[in-house]
Amino acid sequence: MSTDTNADADAESTSNCGGSSGDSGGDSSESKCGASSSPASSSSSRCGASNSDDSGSNEKEVGATVDDFDADPGQLTAVGLGPGQPEGMTERAKTALLDADHIVGYTTYIELLPDEITEQADEIYDTPMCGEVSRTEEAIDRTLAGNDVAIVGSGDPNVYALAGLALEILESKGATASMVDFDVVPGVPAAQSCAARLGAPLVNDTVSISLSDHLVPMPEIESRLHAVASESFTITIYNPWSRKRRENFEKACEILLTHRDADTPVGIVHGAGREDEAVLITELGELEDFGEREIVDMTTTIVVGTEDTYVWDDRMVRPRGYETKYEY
């Protein structure tokens, strides 16, 4: 097994997939998957995608198309790892990863994989945060070059993850999902794994919102939060706090308090299923204070209760409604 890292700055690399790369001058990198590489003015993808100058965001413009590959495409599988620990992965996820030739993912998620999976892979390619587009295209290019590829993420591939992006990039390259035998392996989403630590806070209508303004402007997030908080939904908040998003968290707390009482139960789960897991139940009026504590960061999920959510024996409980129909 070899381990690749995001190597956009490398002056030279060779193909690992048996394809020939285009002759674009001595300053350009060769494709790892046999796609033609871009002109020397931009660094090329390990699979032939051109890298734009985006001030270190690790993102790439979609470069190679389906016509740049001669091999029969392999299988592309988006795999959800669940909460993080190996026992939290489904058997279907483990099988998909063991069957893959190449595994692609965010560095932190790759590090969560057990040795039995990483040791059998022909290649592993990882990128740091904000490399979503580059690593998804890398996975697709490797698939178009004839490899069976798994692109991994925590939780579920369809919840704030890359399954949709993979289909979008496939379409932009002139490929189809059936051409690469695209499949999605579900995983336990963060909202569910965190709720399991808190008791039973999600047994009725629930809405998830991410405070990351990487793709959605904060004014739009604020508008959504106002609309959701004014209704009787339990709210699960993803990506609540970082040094760059401190104001987003503070604004979210302010909005929630305009619609819900200060004593509304709130559950905070940091790193569910990982070694640094931490669980705490507090009240909405106290939530903003936790923004300066280690328990709240980008690996934390926050569950905000409704007017009928209560805490019993250190568990959050959201009544399902049976009490209105049955005596018990």
Protein backbone atom coordinates (compact mmCIF):
# COMPACT_ATOMS: atom_id res chain seq x y z
CA MET A 1 0.00 0.00 0.00
CA SER A 2 1.15 3.52 -0.73
CA THR A 3 -0.24 6.63 0.89
CA ASP A 4 -0.79 9.78 -1.18
CA THR A 5 -1.28 13.23 0.25
CA ASN A 6 -2.45 16.39 -1.45
CA ALA A 7 0.65 17.15 -3.46
CA ASP A 8 -0.34 20.07 -5.66
CA ALA A 9 3.02 21.74 -5.08
CA ASP A 10 5.03 18.77 -6.26
CA ALA A 11 7.05 19.62 -9.34
CA GLU A 12 6.85 16.14 -10.78
CA SER A 13 5.01 12.86 -10.26
CA THR A 14 4.49 9.80 -12.41
CA SER A 15 1.46 7.79 -13.42
CA ASN A 16 0.45 4.92 -11.13
CA CYS A 17 -2.40 3.75 -13.32
CA GLY A 18 -0.64 2.73 -16.51
CA GLY A 19 -2.03 5.50 -18.67
CA SER A 20 0.02 7.97 -20.63
CA SER A 21 -0.06 11.63 -19.70
CA GLY A 22 0.01 14.48 -22.14
CA ASP A 23 3.19 16.31 -23.00
CA SER A 24 2.60 19.73 -21.48
CA GLY A 25 6.08 20.81 -20.65
CA GLY A 26 8.62 19.88 -18.03
CA ASP A 27 7.05 21.94 -15.25
CA SER A 28 3.74 20.09 -15.14
CA SER A 29 2.92 17.00 -13.11
CA GLU A 30 1.87 13.82 -14.86
CA SER A 31 -1.49 12.27 -14.17
CA LYS A 32 -1.64 9.33 -11.81
CA CYS A 33 -4.59 7.97 -13.76
CA GLY A 34 -3.60 8.46 -17.36
CA ALA A 35 -5.55 11.62 -18.12
CA SER A 36 -3.82 14.39 -20.03
CA SER A 37 -2.29 16.98 -17.78
CA SER A 38 -2.86 20.70 -17.92
CA PRO A 39 -0.46 23.34 -19.23
CA ALA A 40 2.50 24.26 -17.07
CA SER A 41 0.83 27.46 -15.92
CA SER A 42 -1.21 25.46 -13.41
CA SER A 43 -0.42 22.42 -11.31
CA SER A 44 -2.19 19.34 -12.59
CA SER A 45 -4.27 16.88 -10.67
CA ARG A 46 -2.83 13.48 -9.88
CA CYS A 47 -5.57 12.43 -12.30
CA GLY A 48 -5.41 15.23 -14.81
CA ALA A 49 -7.57 17.98 -13.33
CA SER A 50 -6.17 21.49 -13.44
CA ASN A 51 -5.58 23.36 -10.22
CA SER A 52 -6.68 27.00 -10.10
CA ASP A 53 -4.95 29.63 -8.02
CA ASP A 54 -7.32 29.81 -5.08
CA SER A 55 -5.02 31.00 -2.32
CA GLY A 56 -4.48 27.62 -0.74
CA SER A 57 -8.04 26.36 -0.55
CA ASN A 58 -6.94 22.99 -1.97
CA GLU A 59 -9.72 23.14 -4.56
CA LYS A 60 -9.36 22.37 -8.26
CA GLU A 61 -11.26 23.23 -11.38
CA VAL A 62 -12.75 20.19 -13.05
CA GLY A 63 -10.23 19.30 -15.76
CA ALA A 64 -10.20 15.87 -17.43
CA THR A 65 -13.33 14.54 -19.13
CA VAL A 66 -14.46 11.02 -19.85
CA ASP A 67 -12.83 11.25 -23.29
CA ASP A 68 -9.38 11.55 -21.68
CA PHE A 69 -9.50 7.96 -20.38
CA ASP A 70 -9.02 4.78 -22.39
CA ALA A 71 -9.78 2.17 -19.71
CA ASP A 72 -13.14 0.62 -18.88
CA PRO A 73 -14.38 2.58 -15.83
CA GLY A 74 -14.34 0.91 -12.44
CA GLN A 75 -16.83 1.20 -9.62
CA LEU A 76 -17.21 4.39 -7.54
CA THR A 77 -18.71 3.96 -4.09
CA ALA A 78 -19.50 6.75 -1.60
CA VAL A 79 -19.10 5.13 1.81
CA GLY A 80 -20.44 6.48 5.10
CA LEU A 81 -18.24 5.59 8.06
CA GLY A 82 -20.85 6.41 10.69
CA PRO A 83 -19.79 8.06 13.95
CA GLY A 84 -16.12 7.11 13.73
CA GLN A 85 -15.26 3.98 15.65
CA PRO A 86 -14.85 0.76 13.60
CA GLU A 87 -17.77 -0.94 15.36
CA GLY A 88 -19.99 1.95 14.26
CA MET A 89 -19.44 1.09 10.60
CA THR A 90 -21.95 -1.15 8.88
CA GLU A 91 -20.83 -4.51 7.50
CA ARG A 92 -21.75 -3.23 4.05
CA ALA A 93 -19.38 -0.27 4.51
CA LYS A 94 -16.53 -2.54 5.61
CA THR A 95 -17.08 -4.82 2.64
CA ALA A 96 -17.12 -1.91 0.20
CA LEU A 97 -13.84 -0.57 1.58
CA LEU A 98 -12.17 -3.98 1.54
CA ASP A 99 -13.24 -4.44 -2.09
CA ALA A 100 -11.94 -1.04 -3.23
CA ASP A 101 -8.60 -0.68 -5.03
CA HIS A 102 -8.22 2.95 -3.99
CA ILE A 103 -9.67 4.83 -1.00
CA VAL A 104 -10.06 8.63 -1.13
CA GLY A 105 -11.09 10.97 1.68
CA TYR A 106 -10.50 13.82 4.09
CA THR A 107 -7.35 13.13 6.11
CA THR A 108 -9.17 12.97 9.46
CA TYR A 109 -11.63 10.38 8.13
CA ILE A 110 -8.89 8.28 6.54
CA GLU A 111 -7.20 8.15 9.95
CA LEU A 112 -10.39 6.64 11.42
CA LEU A 113 -10.14 3.57 9.19
CA PRO A 114 -8.99 0.35 10.86
CA ASP A 115 -5.69 -1.18 9.77
CA GLU A 116 -7.39 -4.18 8.18
CA ILE A 117 -8.89 -1.81 5.61
CA THR A 118 -5.97 0.54 4.96
CA GLU A 119 -3.46 -2.30 4.68
CA GLN A 120 -5.32 -4.00 1.85
CA ALA A 121 -5.84 -0.89 -0.30
CA ASP A 122 -3.57 -0.44 -3.32
CA GLU A 123 -3.56 3.31 -2.75
CA ILE A 124 -4.97 5.82 -0.29
CA TYR A 125 -5.36 9.48 -1.27
CA ASP A 126 -6.27 12.10 1.33
CA THR A 127 -6.57 15.87 1.40
CA PRO A 128 -6.94 18.32 4.31
CA MET A 129 -10.04 20.36 5.06
CA CYS A 130 -11.51 22.39 2.18
CA GLY A 131 -10.32 19.86 -0.40
CA GLU A 132 -13.82 18.54 -1.12
CA VAL A 133 -13.86 19.21 -4.86
CA SER A 134 -10.28 18.11 -5.50
CA ARG A 135 -10.55 14.80 -3.69
CA THR A 136 -13.97 14.01 -5.17
CA GLU A 137 -12.64 14.62 -8.66
CA GLU A 138 -9.56 12.58 -7.79
CA ALA A 139 -11.83 9.67 -6.86
CA ILE A 140 -13.78 10.02 -10.10
CA ASP A 141 -10.68 10.24 -12.30
CA ARG A 142 -9.22 7.15 -10.66
CA THR A 143 -12.52 5.37 -11.34
CA LEU A 144 -12.58 6.47 -14.98
CA ALA A 145 -9.03 5.08 -15.25
CA GLY A 146 -10.34 1.62 -14.42
CA ASN A 147 -9.98 1.38 -10.64
CA ASP A 148 -12.64 0.46 -8.09
CA VAL A 149 -12.65 3.49 -5.79
CA ALA A 150 -14.28 4.27 -2.45
CA ILE A 151 -14.67 7.89 -1.37
CA VAL A 152 -15.27 8.02 2.37
CA GLY A 153 -16.86 10.43 4.79
CA SER A 154 -18.08 10.36 8.37
CA GLY A 155 -21.76 9.87 9.05
CA ASP A 156 -23.81 9.34 5.89
CA PRO A 157 -22.74 10.27 2.33
CA ASN A 158 -26.02 12.12 1.77
CA VAL A 159 -25.92 14.30 4.90
CA TYR A 160 -23.65 17.34 4.43
CA ALA A 161 -21.33 15.07 2.47
CA LEU A 162 -20.05 14.27 -1.01
CA ALA A 163 -22.49 11.87 -2.69
CA GLY A 164 -24.23 14.71 -4.51
CA LEU A 165 -20.97 16.40 -5.47
CA ALA A 166 -19.70 13.14 -6.97
CA LEU A 167 -22.75 12.93 -9.23
CA GLU A 168 -22.39 16.58 -10.23
CA ILE A 169 -18.74 16.12 -11.20
CA LEU A 170 -19.50 12.89 -13.07
CA GLU A 171 -22.07 14.81 -15.10
CA SER A 172 -19.65 17.68 -15.77
CA LYS A 173 -17.10 15.21 -17.15
CA GLY A 174 -19.58 13.72 -19.62
CA ALA A 175 -19.81 10.48 -17.65
CA THR A 176 -22.87 8.86 -16.10
CA ALA A 177 -23.52 7.17 -12.78
CA SER A 178 -24.24 3.88 -14.51
CA MET A 179 -21.02 4.13 -16.52
CA VAL A 180 -18.91 3.99 -13.35
CA ASP A 181 -21.36 1.79 -11.43
CA PHE A 182 -21.92 4.49 -8.81
CA ASP A 183 -23.20 3.30 -5.44
CA VAL A 184 -23.88 4.84 -2.03
CA VAL A 185 -23.32 2.92 1.21
CA PRO A 186 -25.27 4.61 4.02
CA GLY A 187 -23.79 5.31 7.43
CA VAL A 188 -25.20 6.47 10.75
CA PRO A 189 -25.50 10.30 10.49
CA ALA A 190 -24.08 12.49 13.25
CA ALA A 191 -27.55 13.59 14.34
CA GLN A 192 -28.56 9.99 15.05
CA SER A 193 -25.31 8.93 16.74
CA CYS A 194 -25.36 12.05 18.93
CA ALA A 195 -29.04 11.63 19.78
CA ALA A 196 -28.26 8.12 20.99
CA ARG A 197 -25.86 9.63 23.53
CA LEU A 198 -28.45 12.13 24.75
CA GLY A 199 -31.47 9.89 25.27
CA ALA A 200 -34.46 10.31 22.96
CA PRO A 201 -34.50 13.88 21.60
CA LEU A 202 -35.32 13.14 17.93
CA VAL A 203 -38.43 10.96 18.09
CA ASN A 204 -40.60 13.65 16.48
CA ASP A 205 -40.19 16.21 13.66
CA THR A 206 -36.53 17.24 13.32
CA VAL A 207 -34.59 19.62 11.05
CA SER A 208 -30.81 19.80 10.61
CA ILE A 209 -28.91 23.03 9.92
CA SER A 210 -25.19 23.61 9.39
CA LEU A 211 -23.62 26.85 10.58
CA SER A 212 -20.76 26.49 8.11
CA ASP A 213 -20.94 29.38 5.66
CA HIS A 214 -18.39 27.77 3.33
CA LEU A 215 -21.12 27.17 0.71
CA VAL A 216 -24.24 28.91 2.06
CA PRO A 217 -24.05 32.63 3.01
CA MET A 218 -24.73 33.32 6.66
CA PRO A 219 -27.76 35.57 5.97
CA GLU A 220 -29.43 32.60 4.28
CA ILE A 221 -28.54 30.33 7.20
CA GLU A 222 -30.01 32.92 9.59
CA SER A 223 -33.23 33.02 7.58
CA ARG A 224 -33.55 29.25 7.68
CA LEU A 225 -32.85 29.20 11.40
CA HIS A 226 -35.55 31.79 12.09
CA ALA A 227 -38.08 29.76 10.10
CA VAL A 228 -37.22 26.44 11.76
CA ALA A 229 -36.92 27.79 15.31
CA SER A 230 -40.36 29.38 15.10
CA GLU A 231 -41.93 25.94 14.52
CA SER A 232 -42.08 22.86 16.73
CA PHE A 233 -39.03 21.15 15.30
CA THR A 234 -36.14 19.68 17.20
CA ILE A 235 -33.07 21.33 15.66
CA THR A 236 -29.77 19.55 15.13
CA ILE A 237 -26.92 21.96 14.43
CA TYR A 238 -23.84 20.79 12.55
CA ASN A 239 -20.48 22.62 12.33
CA PRO A 240 -21.43 25.01 15.14
CA TRP A 241 -18.18 26.76 16.02
CA SER A 242 -14.66 27.49 14.87
CA ARG A 243 -12.29 30.40 15.33
CA LYS A 244 -13.40 31.73 11.94
CA ARG A 245 -17.09 31.16 12.66
CA ARG A 246 -17.42 32.44 16.21
CA GLU A 247 -19.95 35.08 15.11
CA ASN A 248 -22.07 32.47 13.33
CA PHE A 249 -22.51 30.53 16.57
CA GLU A 250 -23.26 33.67 18.57
CA LYS A 251 -25.86 34.78 16.01
CA ALA A 252 -27.47 31.35 16.00
CA CYS A 253 -27.83 31.43 19.80
CA GLU A 254 -29.41 34.87 19.56
CA ILE A 255 -31.92 33.71 16.94
CA LEU A 256 -32.87 30.61 18.91
CA LEU A 257 -33.54 32.68 22.02
CA THR A 258 -35.94 34.92 20.10
CA HIS A 259 -38.16 31.89 19.45
CA ARG A 260 -37.59 29.53 22.38
CA ASP A 261 -37.44 29.85 26.16
CA ALA A 262 -34.07 30.14 27.85
CA ASP A 263 -34.72 26.92 29.81
CA THR A 264 -35.21 24.85 26.62
CA PRO A 265 -33.06 21.69 26.92
CA VAL A 266 -30.02 21.54 24.66
CA GLY A 267 -27.74 18.56 24.14
CA ILE A 268 -24.09 18.97 23.13
CA VAL A 269 -22.12 16.00 21.78
CA HIS A 270 -18.48 16.39 20.80
CA GLY A 271 -16.74 13.71 18.72
CA ALA A 272 -19.47 11.08 19.02
CA GLY A 273 -17.95 7.61 18.95
CA ARG A 274 -14.36 8.87 19.00
CA GLU A 275 -11.72 8.83 21.70
CA ASP A 276 -12.40 12.43 22.71
CA GLU A 277 -16.17 12.07 22.92
CA ALA A 278 -17.88 14.42 25.39
CA VAL A 279 -21.60 14.70 26.17
CA LEU A 280 -23.40 17.47 28.04
CA ILE A 281 -26.99 18.62 28.52
CA THR A 282 -27.60 22.29 29.25
CA GLU A 283 -30.21 24.99 28.65
CA LEU A 284 -30.56 27.27 25.66
CA GLY A 285 -29.84 30.37 27.74
CA GLU A 286 -26.41 28.92 28.61
CA LEU A 287 -25.50 27.67 25.14
CA GLU A 288 -23.51 30.68 23.92
CA ASP A 289 -21.08 30.34 26.84
CA PHE A 290 -19.97 26.97 25.49
CA GLY A 291 -18.68 28.56 22.31
CA GLU A 292 -15.41 29.31 24.08
CA ARG A 293 -15.00 25.78 25.45
CA GLU A 294 -13.39 22.75 23.86
CA ILE A 295 -16.62 20.77 23.81
CA VAL A 296 -18.01 22.91 20.96
CA ASP A 297 -16.14 22.84 17.65
CA MET A 298 -16.60 21.55 14.10
CA THR A 299 -16.88 17.94 15.29
CA THR A 300 -19.73 18.82 17.66
CA THR A 301 -23.44 18.34 17.01
CA ILE A 302 -25.92 20.38 19.05
CA VAL A 303 -29.50 19.24 19.60
CA VAL A 304 -31.95 22.01 20.52
CA GLY A 305 -35.20 20.81 22.06
CA THR A 306 -38.73 22.15 21.64
CA GLU A 307 -41.30 23.51 24.07
CA ASP A 308 -42.24 19.95 25.09
CA THR A 309 -38.74 18.48 25.31
CA TYR A 310 -37.67 17.76 28.89
CA VAL A 311 -34.76 16.23 30.80
CA TRP A 312 -35.37 13.11 32.86
CA ASP A 313 -32.61 11.16 34.61
CA ASP A 314 -29.95 12.99 32.61
CA ARG A 315 -31.64 12.15 29.31
CA MET A 316 -33.35 14.44 26.86
CA VAL A 317 -36.87 13.26 26.04
CA ARG A 318 -39.06 14.52 23.20
CA PRO A 319 -42.57 13.06 23.57
CA ARG A 320 -43.78 11.26 20.46
CA GLY A 321 -47.42 12.05 21.14
CA TYR A 322 -48.63 8.70 22.41
CA GLU A 323 -49.60 10.29 25.71
CA THR A 324 -52.46 12.09 23.94
CA LYS A 325 -54.01 8.80 22.78
CA TYR A 326 -53.08 6.20 25.35
CA GLU A 327 -52.88 5.88 29.11
CA TYR A 328 -49.58 4.60 30.46
